[in-house]
Amino acid sequence: MNHEPTPQSRLDIIPLSLAEANEFIEKHHRHHGRLRFYKFAIGAVDETKTLRGVAVIGRPVSRHRDDGRTAEIGRLATDGCPNACSKLLAASWRAARAMGYCRMGTYTLVDESGTSLDAAGWKLVYTTKGGSGWARHTRPGRSDANPGPKKLYEAPGAGQ
C-alpha cells in the first residue's frame, strides 16, 4: 500500500524500538540492512500515523571518533516522503544534544549527493579512503557491504 504524501503533509517525530526501525530499514534502505546495536531510534510519521522514515543513532563506527561524547546516525531511511530526511536529521541531533553529546556524524557513499545533509546544514568533514571493510584481526566477523570510500558529515554546531 503506497501512502503518497499530500502537499500539506505534516511529519511528527516518535520514538522507536530497534526492531521497529530495522523492519523499516529492511524494506526501504537502498544498500544496508539491520543494525544490531543502538543508543536510540526515532521515526517520522505523517498525519495518518504512517511511518515515513527512521533514524537509528549509536556509537561511532570509527574507534577514533568514539570518545563517549560523539553520536552517529548509523541508518537513515525513508519511503521517499518529502522532508522526512531533514526532519529526522534535525530531530536526531536535538535528541543527542539533550542527552549530552557534543558531536554527531553520519557517513554516505561517495556517489550519494548528500542533498538532505546539505539542506539540513550538516558539513562535509572528510572522505575516507575506504578499504577492505571493518573486519580486522582484532575484530573478526565484522563486515561492510560497501567497503569503498565514504563521506563523513557532521551536524551543525557540532563540537562547540
Protein backbone atom coordinates (compact mmCIF):
# COMPACT_ATOMS: atom_id res chain seq x y z
CA MET A 1 0.00 0.00 0.00
CA ASN A 2 1.58 3.26 -1.12
CA HIS A 3 0.97 6.29 1.08
CA GLU A 4 1.69 9.26 -1.15
CA PRO A 5 2.34 12.47 0.76
CA THR A 6 -0.06 15.33 0.33
CA PRO A 7 1.30 18.84 -0.21
CA GLN A 8 0.38 19.73 3.38
CA SER A 9 1.84 16.53 4.93
CA ARG A 10 2.90 17.18 8.49
CA LEU A 11 5.55 14.93 9.97
CA ASP A 12 5.84 14.21 13.66
CA ILE A 13 8.78 12.54 15.39
CA ILE A 14 8.17 9.43 17.51
CA PRO A 15 10.47 7.10 19.48
CA LEU A 16 11.04 3.64 18.04
CA SER A 17 12.49 0.36 19.21
CA LEU A 18 15.41 -1.08 17.27
CA ALA A 19 13.14 -3.87 15.99
CA GLU A 20 10.65 -1.33 14.57
CA ALA A 21 13.41 0.70 12.94
CA ASN A 22 15.09 -2.40 11.49
CA GLU A 23 11.82 -3.58 9.97
CA PHE A 24 11.51 -0.27 8.11
CA ILE A 25 15.20 -0.33 7.13
CA GLU A 26 14.85 -3.81 5.62
CA LYS A 27 12.08 -2.51 3.36
CA HIS A 28 13.42 0.94 2.46
CA HIS A 29 17.20 1.32 2.79
CA ARG A 30 18.99 1.17 -0.56
CA HIS A 31 22.19 -0.61 0.44
CA HIS A 32 22.31 -1.50 4.14
CA GLY A 33 20.36 -3.85 6.36
CA ARG A 34 19.57 -4.14 10.02
CA LEU A 35 21.66 -2.83 12.87
CA ARG A 36 22.47 -4.87 15.97
CA PHE A 37 23.21 -2.09 18.44
CA TYR A 38 21.92 1.41 19.07
CA LYS A 39 21.52 4.20 21.60
CA PHE A 40 18.11 5.35 20.34
CA ALA A 41 15.89 5.33 17.27
CA ILE A 42 13.25 7.75 16.04
CA GLY A 43 10.68 7.75 13.30
CA ALA A 44 8.80 10.32 11.25
CA VAL A 45 5.06 9.69 10.92
CA ASP A 46 2.56 11.55 8.78
CA GLU A 47 -0.90 12.76 9.79
CA THR A 48 -2.30 9.22 9.27
CA LYS A 49 0.36 7.88 11.70
CA THR A 50 2.05 6.05 8.81
CA LEU A 51 5.78 5.62 9.40
CA ARG A 52 7.58 7.53 6.63
CA GLY A 53 11.20 7.35 7.81
CA VAL A 54 13.55 6.21 10.56
CA ALA A 55 16.91 7.17 12.04
CA VAL A 56 18.99 4.87 14.22
CA ILE A 57 21.64 6.52 16.37
CA GLY A 58 24.51 4.77 18.08
CA ARG A 59 28.21 4.90 18.82
CA PRO A 60 30.63 5.91 16.06
CA VAL A 61 31.94 3.06 13.92
CA SER A 62 35.42 4.61 13.95
CA ARG A 63 37.22 3.99 17.24
CA HIS A 64 38.96 7.36 16.75
CA ARG A 65 35.61 9.15 16.96
CA ASP A 66 34.25 7.02 19.81
CA ASP A 67 35.06 9.40 22.66
CA GLY A 68 31.83 8.96 24.63
CA ARG A 69 30.53 12.37 23.54
CA THR A 70 30.06 11.67 19.81
CA ALA A 71 26.94 10.01 18.42
CA GLU A 72 26.46 8.69 14.92
CA ILE A 73 23.47 8.11 12.69
CA GLY A 74 24.05 4.52 11.64
CA ARG A 75 20.98 4.30 9.43
CA LEU A 76 18.60 6.83 7.94
CA ALA A 77 15.87 5.52 5.67
CA THR A 78 12.66 6.96 4.27
CA ASP A 79 9.98 5.87 1.85
CA GLY A 80 10.64 8.99 -0.23
CA CYS A 81 8.35 11.29 1.73
CA PRO A 82 9.41 14.92 1.17
CA ASN A 83 11.28 16.49 4.09
CA ALA A 84 11.46 13.24 6.08
CA CYS A 85 15.27 13.08 5.88
CA SER A 86 15.72 16.67 7.01
CA LYS A 87 13.21 16.26 9.82
CA LEU A 88 14.96 13.10 11.08
CA LEU A 89 18.44 14.66 10.83
CA ALA A 90 17.39 17.68 12.88
CA ALA A 91 15.49 15.63 15.47
CA SER A 92 18.39 13.18 15.87
CA TRP A 93 20.82 16.00 16.60
CA ARG A 94 18.42 17.72 19.03
CA ALA A 95 17.89 14.47 20.94
CA ALA A 96 21.61 13.66 21.03
CA ARG A 97 22.48 17.14 22.33
CA ALA A 98 19.79 16.79 25.00
CA MET A 99 21.49 13.55 26.07
CA GLY A 100 24.85 15.34 26.43
CA TYR A 101 26.50 14.50 23.10
CA CYS A 102 28.74 17.24 21.68
CA ARG A 103 29.14 15.90 18.14
CA MET A 104 27.10 13.84 15.72
CA GLY A 105 28.14 12.42 12.41
CA THR A 106 26.95 10.17 9.63
CA TYR A 107 28.53 8.58 6.59
CA THR A 108 27.30 8.41 2.99
CA LEU A 109 28.68 6.61 -0.01
CA VAL A 110 30.79 8.87 -2.22
CA ASP A 111 28.30 8.54 -5.08
CA GLU A 112 25.42 9.82 -2.93
CA SER A 113 24.69 13.52 -3.30
CA GLY A 114 24.20 14.42 0.37
CA THR A 115 21.46 16.88 -0.62
CA SER A 116 19.41 16.36 2.55
CA LEU A 117 22.52 16.72 4.71
CA ASP A 118 23.49 19.95 2.94
CA ALA A 119 19.94 21.29 3.26
CA ALA A 120 19.92 20.48 6.98
CA GLY A 121 23.18 22.40 7.49
CA TRP A 122 25.44 19.38 8.00
CA LYS A 123 29.05 19.88 6.90
CA LEU A 124 31.24 17.51 4.94
CA VAL A 125 34.24 16.84 7.20
CA TYR A 126 36.28 14.47 5.07
CA THR A 127 36.18 11.49 2.74
CA THR A 128 37.60 8.21 3.99
CA LYS A 129 39.99 6.15 1.91
CA GLY A 130 37.83 3.05 2.15
CA GLY A 131 39.35 -0.36 2.38
CA SER A 132 38.58 -3.99 2.83
CA GLY A 133 35.75 -3.47 5.31
CA TRP A 134 35.66 -3.19 9.09
CA ALA A 135 36.94 -6.72 9.77
CA ARG A 136 40.43 -6.81 11.27
CA HIS A 137 42.35 -9.45 13.16
CA THR A 138 41.26 -7.62 16.32
CA ARG A 139 37.59 -7.53 15.26
CA PRO A 140 36.85 -10.66 13.21
CA GLY A 141 33.40 -11.24 11.81
CA ARG A 142 32.51 -7.63 11.19
CA SER A 143 31.88 -6.86 7.57
CA ASP A 144 30.93 -3.89 5.48
CA ALA A 145 28.78 -4.36 2.40
CA ASN A 146 30.26 -1.19 0.90
CA PRO A 147 33.99 -1.10 1.73
CA GLY A 148 34.82 1.83 -0.57
CA PRO A 149 35.38 5.46 0.38
CA LYS A 150 32.69 7.24 2.40
CA LYS A 151 31.91 10.88 3.12
CA LEU A 152 31.65 11.89 6.78
CA TYR A 153 29.25 14.70 7.59
CA GLU A 154 28.83 16.38 10.98
CA ALA A 155 25.80 18.10 12.44
CA PRO A 156 25.68 21.91 12.50
CA GLY A 157 27.37 23.37 15.56
CA ALA A 158 28.95 20.05 16.47
CA GLY A 159 31.93 20.31 18.78
CA GLN A 160 31.01 23.76 20.04
